């Protein structure tokens, strides 16, 4: 849907798939891109939020809270570097929305957050 927000993961923090999703798909997104590649304060803040969401040390309840506050609907994952999302996928309910040889899009089931411990 056109109001959906994506959390995107790229290659080694230098490919910003958020730019693609926002530019081509007209969908807002948060990116896992290295802060040294970003020029604007808002982008650096969004990158810090994304880093906090995927950090292995972030408790599941905080991940769900951050994703709910940011209204993250989908995880857009570049498969060769998708390991960065493993921490998120183990902490929030998701299902595969779209997949091809290079990318997978996971739908975050935020409506189930309240039911989780």
PDB file of N, CA and C in Angstrom:
ATOM      1  N   UNK A   1       0.821  -1.208   0.000  1.00  0.00           N
ATOM      2  CA  UNK A   1       0.000   0.000   0.000  1.00  0.00           C
ATOM      3  C   UNK A   1       0.862   1.268   0.000  1.00  0.00           C
ATOM      4  N   UNK A   2       0.343   2.344  -0.550  1.00  0.00           N
ATOM      5  CA  UNK A   2       1.151   3.553  -0.719  1.00  0.00           C
ATOM      6  C   UNK A   2       1.528   4.227   0.589  1.00  0.00           C
ATOM      7  N   UNK A   3       0.891   3.921   1.690  1.00  0.00           N
ATOM      8  CA  UNK A   3       1.232   4.520   2.980  1.00  0.00           C
ATOM      9  C   UNK A   3       2.239   3.685   3.774  1.00  0.00           C
ATOM     10  N   UNK A   4       2.690   2.567   3.234  1.00  0.00           N
ATOM     11  CA  UNK A   4       3.568   1.646   3.948  1.00  0.00           C
ATOM     12  C   UNK A   4       4.967   2.214   4.136  1.00  0.00           C
ATOM     13  N   UNK A   5       5.555   1.922   5.288  1.00  0.00           N
ATOM     14  CA  UNK A   5       6.925   2.320   5.583  1.00  0.00           C
ATOM     15  C   UNK A   5       7.807   1.083   5.574  1.00  0.00           C
ATOM     16  N   UNK A   6       8.971   1.196   4.954  1.00  0.00           N
ATOM     17  CA  UNK A   6       9.912   0.094   4.820  1.00  0.00           C
ATOM     18  C   UNK A   6      11.158   0.346   5.656  1.00  0.00           C
ATOM     19  N   UNK A   7      11.738  -0.719   6.182  1.00  0.00           N
ATOM     20  CA  UNK A   7      13.075  -0.700   6.756  1.00  0.00           C
ATOM     21  C   UNK A   7      13.929  -1.470   5.764  1.00  0.00           C
ATOM     22  N   UNK A   8      14.953  -0.818   5.210  1.00  0.00           N
ATOM     23  CA  UNK A   8      15.723  -1.436   4.132  1.00  0.00           C
ATOM     24  C   UNK A   8      17.134  -1.768   4.565  1.00  0.00           C
ATOM     25  N   UNK A   9      17.645  -2.852   4.024  1.00  0.00           N
ATOM     26  CA  UNK A   9      19.025  -3.260   4.272  1.00  0.00           C
ATOM     27  C   UNK A   9      19.766  -3.413   2.965  1.00  0.00           C
ATOM     28  N   UNK A  10      20.969  -2.880   2.924  1.00  0.00           N
ATOM     29  CA  UNK A  10      21.765  -2.915   1.693  1.00  0.00           C
ATOM     30  C   UNK A  10      23.055  -3.680   1.858  1.00  0.00           C
ATOM     31  N   UNK A  11      24.035  -3.330   1.057  1.00  0.00           N
ATOM     32  CA  UNK A  11      25.325  -4.007   1.066  1.00  0.00           C
ATOM     33  C   UNK A  11      26.324  -3.218   1.895  1.00  0.00           C
ATOM     34  N   UNK A  12      26.787  -3.804   2.974  1.00  0.00           N
ATOM     35  CA  UNK A  12      27.872  -3.241   3.779  1.00  0.00           C
ATOM     36  C   UNK A  12      27.672  -1.778   4.132  1.00  0.00           C
ATOM     37  N   UNK A  13      26.437  -1.344   4.269  1.00  0.00           N
ATOM     38  CA  UNK A  13      26.154   0.003   4.717  1.00  0.00           C
ATOM     39  C   UNK A  13      26.382   1.110   3.708  1.00  0.00           C
ATOM     40  N   UNK A  14      26.630   0.763   2.432  1.00  0.00           N
ATOM     41  CA  UNK A  14      26.875   1.842   1.464  1.00  0.00           C
ATOM     42  C   UNK A  14      25.832   1.928   0.364  1.00  0.00           C
ATOM     43  N   UNK A  15      25.005   0.940   0.191  1.00  0.00           N
ATOM     44  CA  UNK A  15      23.938   1.020  -0.798  1.00  0.00           C
ATOM     45  C   UNK A  15      22.651   1.346  -0.071  1.00  0.00           C
ATOM     46  N   UNK A  16      22.044   2.463  -0.440  1.00  0.00           N
ATOM     47  CA  UNK A  16      20.852   2.911   0.263  1.00  0.00           C
ATOM     48  C   UNK A  16      19.613   2.568  -0.564  1.00  0.00           C
ATOM     49  N   UNK A  17      19.024   1.414  -0.281  1.00  0.00           N
ATOM     50  CA  UNK A  17      17.823   1.010  -1.000  1.00  0.00           C
ATOM     51  C   UNK A  17      16.632   1.888  -0.661  1.00  0.00           C
ATOM     52  N   UNK A  18      16.704   2.633   0.425  1.00  0.00           N
ATOM     53  CA  UNK A  18      15.631   3.576   0.753  1.00  0.00           C
ATOM     54  C   UNK A  18      15.451   4.589  -0.361  1.00  0.00           C
ATOM     55  N   UNK A  19      16.545   5.045  -0.934  1.00  0.00           N
ATOM     56  CA  UNK A  19      16.445   6.016  -2.026  1.00  0.00           C
ATOM     57  C   UNK A  19      15.650   5.427  -3.184  1.00  0.00           C
ATOM     58  N   UNK A  20      15.872   4.150  -3.460  1.00  0.00           N
ATOM     59  CA  UNK A  20      15.153   3.486  -4.549  1.00  0.00           C
ATOM     60  C   UNK A  20      13.670   3.369  -4.218  1.00  0.00           C
ATOM     61  N   UNK A  21      13.382   2.891  -3.004  1.00  0.00           N
ATOM     62  CA  UNK A  21      11.980   2.723  -2.610  1.00  0.00           C
ATOM     63  C   UNK A  21      11.238   4.054  -2.598  1.00  0.00           C
ATOM     64  N   UNK A  22      11.897   5.086  -2.102  1.00  0.00           N
ATOM     65  CA  UNK A  22      11.251   6.396  -2.051  1.00  0.00           C
ATOM     66  C   UNK A  22      11.147   7.015  -3.439  1.00  0.00           C
ATOM     67  N   UNK A  23      12.206   6.891  -4.240  1.00  0.00           N
ATOM     68  CA  UNK A  23      12.220   7.510  -5.564  1.00  0.00           C
ATOM     69  C   UNK A  23      11.364   6.786  -6.587  1.00  0.00           C
ATOM     70  N   UNK A  24      11.555   5.482  -6.695  1.00  0.00           N
ATOM     71  CA  UNK A  24      10.824   4.702  -7.701  1.00  0.00           C
ATOM     72  C   UNK A  24       9.469   4.210  -7.198  1.00  0.00           C
ATOM     73  N   UNK A  25       9.442   3.744  -5.954  1.00  0.00           N
ATOM     74  CA  UNK A  25       8.217   3.160  -5.422  1.00  0.00           C
ATOM     75  C   UNK A  25       7.328   4.141  -4.693  1.00  0.00           C
ATOM     76  N   UNK A  26       7.855   5.350  -4.463  1.00  0.00           N
ATOM     77  CA  UNK A  26       7.092   6.392  -3.755  1.00  0.00           C
ATOM     78  C   UNK A  26       6.611   5.891  -2.388  1.00  0.00           C
ATOM     79  N   UNK A  27       7.505   5.151  -1.693  1.00  0.00           N
ATOM     80  CA  UNK A  27       7.207   4.620  -0.366  1.00  0.00           C
ATOM     81  C   UNK A  27       8.249   5.142   0.615  1.00  0.00           C
ATOM     82  N   UNK A  28       7.832   5.664   1.764  1.00  0.00           N
ATOM     83  CA  UNK A  28       8.793   6.125   2.751  1.00  0.00           C
ATOM     84  C   UNK A  28       9.578   4.947   3.329  1.00  0.00           C
ATOM     85  N   UNK A  29      10.825   5.209   3.733  1.00  0.00           N
ATOM     86  CA  UNK A  29      11.612   4.120   4.298  1.00  0.00           C
ATOM     87  C   UNK A  29      12.719   4.624   5.198  1.00  0.00           C
ATOM     88  N   UNK A  30      13.144   3.728   6.082  1.00  0.00           N
ATOM     89  CA  UNK A  30      14.300   3.920   6.939  1.00  0.00           C
ATOM     90  C   UNK A  30      15.393   3.018   6.384  1.00  0.00           C
ATOM     91  N   UNK A  31      16.633   3.468   6.439  1.00  0.00           N
ATOM     92  CA  UNK A  31      17.699   2.710   5.800  1.00  0.00           C
ATOM     93  C   UNK A  31      18.788   2.301   6.762  1.00  0.00           C
ATOM     94  N   UNK A  32      19.363   1.144   6.502  1.00  0.00           N
ATOM     95  CA  UNK A  32      20.548   0.686   7.207  1.00  0.00           C
ATOM     96  C   UNK A  32      21.758   1.073   6.352  1.00  0.00           C
ATOM     97  N   UNK A  33      22.104   2.312   6.389  1.00  0.00           N
ATOM     98  CA  UNK A  33      23.231   2.803   5.604  1.00  0.00           C
ATOM     99  C   UNK A  33      24.191   3.495   6.566  1.00  0.00           C
ATOM    100  N   UNK A  34      25.488   3.368   6.297  1.00  0.00           N
ATOM    101  CA  UNK A  34      26.490   3.987   7.162  1.00  0.00           C
ATOM    102  C   UNK A  34      26.297   5.490   7.259  1.00  0.00           C
ATOM    103  N   UNK A  35      26.331   6.021   8.472  1.00  0.00           N
ATOM    104  CA  UNK A  35      26.085   7.453   8.685  1.00  0.00           C
ATOM    105  C   UNK A  35      27.082   8.341   7.953  1.00  0.00           C
ATOM    106  N   UNK A  36      28.299   7.842   7.721  1.00  0.00           N
ATOM    107  CA  UNK A  36      29.284   8.655   7.009  1.00  0.00           C
ATOM    108  C   UNK A  36      28.927   8.847   5.534  1.00  0.00           C
ATOM    109  N   UNK A  37      27.926   8.146   5.038  1.00  0.00           N
ATOM    110  CA  UNK A  37      27.454   8.322   3.665  1.00  0.00           C
ATOM    111  C   UNK A  37      26.276   9.292   3.592  1.00  0.00           C
ATOM    112  N   UNK A  38      25.856   9.830   4.723  1.00  0.00           N
ATOM    113  CA  UNK A  38      24.656  10.657   4.766  1.00  0.00           C
ATOM    114  C   UNK A  38      25.005  12.112   5.052  1.00  0.00           C
ATOM    115  N   UNK A  39      24.329  13.007   4.354  1.00  0.00           N
ATOM    116  CA  UNK A  39      24.616  14.435   4.486  1.00  0.00           C
ATOM    117  C   UNK A  39      23.664  15.157   5.429  1.00  0.00           C
ATOM    118  N   UNK A  40      22.457  14.657   5.593  1.00  0.00           N
ATOM    119  CA  UNK A  40      21.437  15.390   6.326  1.00  0.00           C
ATOM    120  C   UNK A  40      21.192  14.797   7.712  1.00  0.00           C
ATOM    121  N   UNK A  41      20.929  15.665   8.679  1.00  0.00           N
ATOM    122  CA  UNK A  41      20.688  15.257  10.062  1.00  0.00           C
ATOM    123  C   UNK A  41      19.541  14.252  10.160  1.00  0.00           C
ATOM    124  N   UNK A  42      18.443  14.498   9.453  1.00  0.00           N
ATOM    125  CA  UNK A  42      17.292  13.600   9.507  1.00  0.00           C
ATOM    126  C   UNK A  42      17.680  12.194   9.021  1.00  0.00           C
ATOM    127  N   UNK A  43      18.485  12.117   7.962  1.00  0.00           N
ATOM    128  CA  UNK A  43      18.928  10.810   7.466  1.00  0.00           C
ATOM    129  C   UNK A  43      19.792  10.103   8.510  1.00  0.00           C
ATOM    130  N   UNK A  44      20.689  10.829   9.160  1.00  0.00           N
ATOM    131  CA  UNK A  44      21.551  10.231  10.179  1.00  0.00           C
ATOM    132  C   UNK A  44      20.713   9.742  11.368  1.00  0.00           C
ATOM    133  N   UNK A  45      19.683  10.503  11.753  1.00  0.00           N
ATOM    134  CA  UNK A  45      18.802  10.078  12.842  1.00  0.00           C
ATOM    135  C   UNK A  45      18.032   8.819  12.456  1.00  0.00           C
ATOM    136  N   UNK A  46      17.564   8.762  11.220  1.00  0.00           N
ATOM    137  CA  UNK A  46      16.845   7.578  10.752  1.00  0.00           C
ATOM    138  C   UNK A  46      17.774   6.365  10.708  1.00  0.00           C
ATOM    139  N   UNK A  47      19.024   6.572  10.282  1.00  0.00           N
ATOM    140  CA  UNK A  47      19.997   5.478  10.250  1.00  0.00           C
ATOM    141  C   UNK A  47      20.288   4.981  11.670  1.00  0.00           C
ATOM    142  N   UNK A  48      20.376   5.897  12.635  1.00  0.00           N
ATOM    143  CA  UNK A  48      20.602   5.505  14.031  1.00  0.00           C
ATOM    144  C   UNK A  48      19.418   4.694  14.563  1.00  0.00           C
ATOM    145  N   UNK A  49      18.203   5.100  14.214  1.00  0.00           N
ATOM    146  CA  UNK A  49      17.005   4.353  14.612  1.00  0.00           C
ATOM    147  C   UNK A  49      17.037   2.951  13.998  1.00  0.00           C
ATOM    148  N   UNK A  50      17.361   2.867  12.725  1.00  0.00           N
ATOM    149  CA  UNK A  50      17.441   1.570  12.044  1.00  0.00           C
ATOM    150  C   UNK A  50      18.485   0.676  12.702  1.00  0.00           C
ATOM    151  N   UNK A  51      19.656   1.264  13.017  1.00  0.00           N
ATOM    152  CA  UNK A  51      20.710   0.494  13.681  1.00  0.00           C
ATOM    153  C   UNK A  51      20.236  -0.036  15.033  1.00  0.00           C
ATOM    154  N   UNK A  52      19.488   0.775  15.775  1.00  0.00           N
ATOM    155  CA  UNK A  52      18.980   0.353  17.086  1.00  0.00           C
ATOM    156  C   UNK A  52      17.972  -0.791  16.929  1.00  0.00           C
ATOM    157  N   UNK A  53      17.142  -0.709  15.899  1.00  0.00           N
ATOM    158  CA  UNK A  53      16.144  -1.757  15.664  1.00  0.00           C
ATOM    159  C   UNK A  53      16.814  -3.087  15.369  1.00  0.00           C
ATOM    160  N   UNK A  54      17.889  -3.100  14.583  1.00  0.00           N
ATOM    161  CA  UNK A  54      18.498  -4.374  14.187  1.00  0.00           C
ATOM    162  C   UNK A  54      19.584  -4.871  15.133  1.00  0.00           C
ATOM    163  N   UNK A  55      19.977  -4.060  16.117  1.00  0.00           N
ATOM    164  CA  UNK A  55      21.055  -4.459  17.024  1.00  0.00           C
ATOM    165  C   UNK A  55      20.694  -5.723  17.801  1.00  0.00           C
ATOM    166  N   UNK A  56      21.650  -6.626  17.893  1.00  0.00           N
ATOM    167  CA  UNK A  56      21.439  -7.870  18.635  1.00  0.00           C
ATOM    168  C   UNK A  56      21.162  -7.596  20.107  1.00  0.00           C
ATOM    169  N   UNK A  57      21.669  -6.485  20.624  1.00  0.00           N
ATOM    170  CA  UNK A  57      21.519  -6.162  22.049  1.00  0.00           C
ATOM    171  C   UNK A  57      20.200  -5.477  22.387  1.00  0.00           C
ATOM    172  N   UNK A  58      19.432  -5.090  21.367  1.00  0.00           N
ATOM    173  CA  UNK A  58      18.153  -4.429  21.621  1.00  0.00           C
ATOM    174  C   UNK A  58      17.111  -5.487  21.998  1.00  0.00           C
ATOM    175  N   UNK A  59      16.509  -5.369  23.179  1.00  0.00           N
ATOM    176  CA  UNK A  59      15.503  -6.353  23.597  1.00  0.00           C
ATOM    177  C   UNK A  59      14.310  -6.377  22.637  1.00  0.00           C
ATOM    178  N   UNK A  60      13.694  -7.537  22.521  1.00  0.00           N
ATOM    179  CA  UNK A  60      12.557  -7.715  21.609  1.00  0.00           C
ATOM    180  C   UNK A  60      11.450  -6.704  21.871  1.00  0.00           C
ATOM    181  N   UNK A  61      11.155  -6.442  23.143  1.00  0.00           N
ATOM    182  CA  UNK A  61      10.086  -5.496  23.453  1.00  0.00           C
ATOM    183  C   UNK A  61      10.426  -4.096  22.935  1.00  0.00           C
ATOM    184  N   UNK A  62      11.698  -3.700  23.020  1.00  0.00           N
ATOM    185  CA  UNK A  62      12.109  -2.383  22.516  1.00  0.00           C
ATOM    186  C   UNK A  62      12.075  -2.345  20.993  1.00  0.00           C
ATOM    187  N   UNK A  63      12.485  -3.447  20.357  1.00  0.00           N
ATOM    188  CA  UNK A  63      12.422  -3.519  18.888  1.00  0.00           C
ATOM    189  C   UNK A  63      10.983  -3.316  18.430  1.00  0.00           C
ATOM    190  N   UNK A  64      10.060  -4.017  19.061  1.00  0.00           N
ATOM    191  CA  UNK A  64       8.651  -3.891  18.691  1.00  0.00           C
ATOM    192  C   UNK A  64       8.148  -2.471  18.952  1.00  0.00           C
ATOM    193  N   UNK A  65       8.557  -1.876  20.071  1.00  0.00           N
ATOM    194  CA  UNK A  65       8.145  -0.508  20.394  1.00  0.00           C
ATOM    195  C   UNK A  65       8.684   0.489  19.355  1.00  0.00           C
ATOM    196  N   UNK A  66       9.958   0.363  19.007  1.00  0.00           N
ATOM    197  CA  UNK A  66      10.560   1.263  18.014  1.00  0.00           C
ATOM    198  C   UNK A  66       9.901   1.107  16.642  1.00  0.00           C
ATOM    199  N   UNK A  67       9.643  -0.149  16.261  1.00  0.00           N
ATOM    200  CA  UNK A  67       9.016  -0.393  14.966  1.00  0.00           C
ATOM    201  C   UNK A  67       7.576   0.114  14.956  1.00  0.00           C
ATOM    202  N   UNK A  68       6.896  -0.018  16.076  1.00  0.00           N
ATOM    203  CA  UNK A  68       5.523   0.459  16.169  1.00  0.00           C
ATOM    204  C   UNK A  68       5.483   1.989  16.115  1.00  0.00           C
ATOM    205  N   UNK A  69       6.371   2.641  16.869  1.00  0.00           N
ATOM    206  CA  UNK A  69       6.429   4.108  16.861  1.00  0.00           C
ATOM    207  C   UNK A  69       6.773   4.647  15.475  1.00  0.00           C
ATOM    208  N   UNK A  70       7.705   3.981  14.789  1.00  0.00           N
ATOM    209  CA  UNK A  70       8.105   4.417  13.447  1.00  0.00           C
ATOM    210  C   UNK A  70       7.105   3.964  12.387  1.00  0.00           C
ATOM    211  N   UNK A  71       6.208   3.062  12.770  1.00  0.00           N
ATOM    212  CA  UNK A  71       5.194   2.512  11.875  1.00  0.00           C
ATOM    213  C   UNK A  71       5.802   1.720  10.709  1.00  0.00           C
ATOM    214  N   UNK A  72       6.833   0.913  11.034  1.00  0.00           N
ATOM    215  CA  UNK A  72       7.483   0.071  10.036  1.00  0.00           C
ATOM    216  C   UNK A  72       6.524  -1.053   9.653  1.00  0.00           C
ATOM    217  N   UNK A  73       6.235  -1.148   8.353  1.00  0.00           N
ATOM    218  CA  UNK A  73       5.318  -2.172   7.842  1.00  0.00           C
ATOM    219  C   UNK A  73       6.025  -3.336   7.168  1.00  0.00           C
ATOM    220  N   UNK A  74       7.175  -3.058   6.547  1.00  0.00           N
ATOM    221  CA  UNK A  74       7.883  -4.072   5.762  1.00  0.00           C
ATOM    222  C   UNK A  74       9.379  -3.999   5.994  1.00  0.00           C
ATOM    223  N   UNK A  75      10.044  -5.157   5.877  1.00  0.00           N
ATOM    224  CA  UNK A  75      11.493  -5.238   5.838  1.00  0.00           C
ATOM    225  C   UNK A  75      11.868  -5.558   4.397  1.00  0.00           C
ATOM    226  N   UNK A  76      12.688  -4.712   3.787  1.00  0.00           N
ATOM    227  CA  UNK A  76      13.140  -4.898   2.407  1.00  0.00           C
ATOM    228  C   UNK A  76      14.592  -5.334   2.499  1.00  0.00           C
ATOM    229  N   UNK A  77      14.872  -6.585   2.156  1.00  0.00           N
ATOM    230  CA  UNK A  77      16.177  -7.178   2.435  1.00  0.00           C
ATOM    231  C   UNK A  77      16.892  -7.595   1.157  1.00  0.00           C
ATOM    232  N   UNK A  78      18.116  -7.113   1.014  1.00  0.00           N
ATOM    233  CA  UNK A  78      19.031  -7.575  -0.026  1.00  0.00           C
ATOM    234  C   UNK A  78      19.590  -8.899   0.486  1.00  0.00           C
ATOM    235  N   UNK A  79      19.289  -9.995  -0.186  1.00  0.00           N
ATOM    236  CA  UNK A  79      19.571 -11.326   0.351  1.00  0.00           C
ATOM    237  C   UNK A  79      21.034 -11.583   0.724  1.00  0.00           C
ATOM    238  N   UNK A  80      22.018 -11.196  -0.107  1.00  0.00           N
ATOM    239  CA  UNK A  80      23.397 -11.491   0.294  1.00  0.00           C
ATOM    240  C   UNK A  80      23.833 -10.863   1.610  1.00  0.00           C
ATOM    241  N   UNK A  81      23.184  -9.800   2.047  1.00  0.00           N
ATOM    242  CA  UNK A  81      23.568  -9.193   3.327  1.00  0.00           C
ATOM    243  C   UNK A  81      22.418  -9.230   4.332  1.00  0.00           C
ATOM    244  N   UNK A  82      21.468 -10.097   4.130  1.00  0.00           N
ATOM    245  CA  UNK A  82      20.271 -10.143   4.963  1.00  0.00           C
ATOM    246  C   UNK A  82      20.478 -10.535   6.402  1.00  0.00           C
ATOM    247  N   UNK A  83      21.676 -10.982   6.752  1.00  0.00           N
ATOM    248  CA  UNK A  83      21.938 -11.383   8.121  1.00  0.00           C
ATOM    249  C   UNK A  83      21.690 -10.286   9.126  1.00  0.00           C
ATOM    250  N   UNK A  84      21.796  -9.036   8.698  1.00  0.00           N
ATOM    251  CA  UNK A  84      21.572  -7.908   9.600  1.00  0.00           C
ATOM    252  C   UNK A  84      20.139  -7.901  10.123  1.00  0.00           C
ATOM    253  N   UNK A  85      19.234  -8.523   9.407  1.00  0.00           N
ATOM    254  CA  UNK A  85      17.835  -8.527   9.813  1.00  0.00           C
ATOM    255  C   UNK A  85      17.475  -9.738  10.678  1.00  0.00           C
ATOM    256  N   UNK A  86      18.388 -10.676  10.829  1.00  0.00           N
ATOM    257  CA  UNK A  86      18.063 -11.878  11.586  1.00  0.00           C
ATOM    258  C   UNK A  86      17.617 -11.546  12.995  1.00  0.00           C
ATOM    259  N   UNK A  87      18.258 -10.541  13.612  1.00  0.00           N
ATOM    260  CA  UNK A  87      17.871 -10.148  14.973  1.00  0.00           C
ATOM    261  C   UNK A  87      16.435  -9.647  15.020  1.00  0.00           C
ATOM    262  N   UNK A  88      16.011  -8.908  13.998  1.00  0.00           N
ATOM    263  CA  UNK A  88      14.650  -8.382  13.952  1.00  0.00           C
ATOM    264  C   UNK A  88      13.659  -9.516  13.733  1.00  0.00           C
ATOM    265  N   UNK A  89      13.951 -10.363  12.773  1.00  0.00           N
ATOM    266  CA  UNK A  89      13.031 -11.444  12.405  1.00  0.00           C
ATOM    267  C   UNK A  89      12.819 -12.406  13.571  1.00  0.00           C
ATOM    268  N   UNK A  90      13.810 -12.542  14.437  1.00  0.00           N
ATOM    269  CA  UNK A  90      13.642 -13.427  15.593  1.00  0.00           C
ATOM    270  C   UNK A  90      12.855 -12.751  16.724  1.00  0.00           C
ATOM    271  N   UNK A  91      12.602 -11.429  16.603  1.00  0.00           N
ATOM    272  CA  UNK A  91      11.942 -10.685  17.676  1.00  0.00           C
ATOM    273  C   UNK A  91      10.542 -10.181  17.329  1.00  0.00           C
ATOM    274  N   UNK A  92      10.195 -10.172  16.049  1.00  0.00           N
ATOM    275  CA  UNK A  92       8.879  -9.680  15.633  1.00  0.00           C
ATOM    276  C   UNK A  92       8.253 -10.666  14.655  1.00  0.00           C
ATOM    277  N   UNK A  93       6.929 -10.757  14.659  1.00  0.00           N
ATOM    278  CA  UNK A  93       6.265 -11.652  13.710  1.00  0.00           C
ATOM    279  C   UNK A  93       6.273 -11.042  12.300  1.00  0.00           C
ATOM    280  N   UNK A  94       6.663 -11.852  11.317  1.00  0.00           N
ATOM    281  CA  UNK A  94       6.702 -11.416   9.914  1.00  0.00           C
ATOM    282  C   UNK A  94       6.256 -12.570   9.023  1.00  0.00           C
ATOM    283  N   UNK A  95       5.922 -12.235   7.778  1.00  0.00           N
ATOM    284  CA  UNK A  95       5.720 -13.270   6.770  1.00  0.00           C
ATOM    285  C   UNK A  95       6.255 -12.746   5.443  1.00  0.00           C
ATOM    286  N   UNK A  96       6.586 -13.642   4.531  1.00  0.00           N
ATOM    287  CA  UNK A  96       7.131 -13.261   3.232  1.00  0.00           C
ATOM    288  C   UNK A  96       6.020 -12.666   2.385  1.00  0.00           C
ATOM    289  N   UNK A  97       6.221 -11.429   1.966  1.00  0.00           N
ATOM    290  CA  UNK A  97       5.261 -10.730   1.118  1.00  0.00           C
ATOM    291  C   UNK A  97       5.651 -10.831  -0.348  1.00  0.00           C
ATOM    292  N   UNK A  98       6.963 -10.779  -0.617  1.00  0.00           N
ATOM    293  CA  UNK A  98       7.477 -10.886  -1.986  1.00  0.00           C
ATOM    294  C   UNK A  98       8.913 -11.383  -1.910  1.00  0.00           C
ATOM    295  N   UNK A  99       9.294 -12.176  -2.910  1.00  0.00           N
ATOM    296  CA  UNK A  99      10.666 -12.681  -2.946  1.00  0.00           C
ATOM    297  C   UNK A  99      11.069 -12.957  -4.380  1.00  0.00           C
ATOM    298  N   UNK A 100      12.335 -12.621  -4.692  1.00  0.00           N
ATOM    299  CA  UNK A 100      12.932 -13.030  -5.953  1.00  0.00           C
ATOM    300  C   UNK A 100      14.355 -13.494  -5.660  1.00  0.00           C
ATOM    301  N   UNK A 101      15.196 -13.622  -6.670  1.00  0.00           N
ATOM    302  CA  UNK A 101      16.545 -14.140  -6.452  1.00  0.00           C
ATOM    303  C   UNK A 101      17.436 -13.198  -5.643  1.00  0.00           C
ATOM    304  N   UNK A 102      17.123 -11.914  -5.623  1.00  0.00           N
ATOM    305  CA  UNK A 102      17.995 -10.926  -4.998  1.00  0.00           C
ATOM    306  C   UNK A 102      17.437 -10.321  -3.726  1.00  0.00           C
ATOM    307  N   UNK A 103      16.132 -10.118  -3.669  1.00  0.00           N
ATOM    308  CA  UNK A 103      15.504  -9.437  -2.540  1.00  0.00           C
ATOM    309  C   UNK A 103      14.374 -10.273  -1.946  1.00  0.00           C
ATOM    310  N   UNK A 104      14.084  -9.987  -0.684  1.00  0.00           N
ATOM    311  CA  UNK A 104      12.891 -10.528  -0.053  1.00  0.00           C
ATOM    312  C   UNK A 104      12.237  -9.378   0.712  1.00  0.00           C
ATOM    313  N   UNK A 105      10.926  -9.317   0.649  1.00  0.00           N
ATOM    314  CA  UNK A 105      10.160  -8.315   1.387  1.00  0.00           C
ATOM    315  C   UNK A 105       9.322  -9.064   2.413  1.00  0.00           C
ATOM    316  N   UNK A 106       9.540  -8.713   3.685  1.00  0.00           N
ATOM    317  CA  UNK A 106       8.805  -9.339   4.778  1.00  0.00           C
ATOM    318  C   UNK A 106       7.798  -8.353   5.337  1.00  0.00           C
ATOM    319  N   UNK A 107       6.574  -8.779   5.504  1.00  0.00           N
ATOM    320  CA  UNK A 107       5.516  -7.959   6.099  1.00  0.00           C
ATOM    321  C   UNK A 107       5.605  -8.104   7.616  1.00  0.00           C
ATOM    322  N   UNK A 108       5.709  -6.976   8.293  1.00  0.00           N
ATOM    323  CA  UNK A 108       5.739  -6.965   9.755  1.00  0.00           C
ATOM    324  C   UNK A 108       4.300  -7.015  10.243  1.00  0.00           C
ATOM    325  N   UNK A 109       4.023  -7.932  11.129  1.00  0.00           N
ATOM    326  CA  UNK A 109       2.664  -8.102  11.646  1.00  0.00           C
ATOM    327  C   UNK A 109       2.532  -7.334  12.958  1.00  0.00           C
ATOM    328  N   UNK A 110       2.525  -5.999  12.833  1.00  0.00           N
ATOM    329  CA  UNK A 110       2.480  -5.135  14.016  1.00  0.00           C
ATOM    330  C   UNK A 110       1.210  -5.356  14.836  1.00  0.00           C
ATOM    331  N   UNK A 111       0.146  -5.800  14.203  1.00  0.00           N
ATOM    332  CA  UNK A 111      -1.099  -6.026  14.945  1.00  0.00           C
ATOM    333  C   UNK A 111      -0.938  -7.135  15.986  1.00  0.00           C
ATOM    334  N   UNK A 112       0.117  -7.945  15.865  1.00  0.00           N
ATOM    335  CA  UNK A 112       0.348  -9.021  16.827  1.00  0.00           C
ATOM    336  C   UNK A 112       1.281  -8.618  17.962  1.00  0.00           C
ATOM    337  N   UNK A 113       1.848  -7.411  17.921  1.00  0.00           N
ATOM    338  CA  UNK A 113       2.793  -6.975  18.957  1.00  0.00           C
ATOM    339  C   UNK A 113       2.166  -7.029  20.354  1.00  0.00           C
ATOM    340  N   UNK A 114       0.945  -6.587  20.488  1.00  0.00           N
ATOM    341  CA  UNK A 114       0.298  -6.523  21.799  1.00  0.00           C
ATOM    342  C   UNK A 114       0.138  -7.914  22.422  1.00  0.00           C
ATOM    343  N   UNK A 115       0.088  -8.931  21.601  1.00  0.00           N
ATOM    344  CA  UNK A 115      -0.108 -10.303  22.090  1.00  0.00           C
ATOM    345  C   UNK A 115       1.194 -10.955  22.533  1.00  0.00           C
ATOM    346  N   UNK A 116       2.326 -10.284  22.257  1.00  0.00           N
ATOM    347  CA  UNK A 116       3.635 -10.882  22.543  1.00  0.00           C
ATOM    348  C   UNK A 116       4.125 -10.485  23.931  1.00  0.00           C
ATOM    349  N   UNK A 117       4.930 -11.357  24.547  1.00  0.00           N
ATOM    350  CA  UNK A 117       5.473 -11.054  25.892  1.00  0.00           C
ATOM    351  C   UNK A 117       6.500  -9.932  25.843  1.00  0.00           C
TER     352      UNK A 117
END
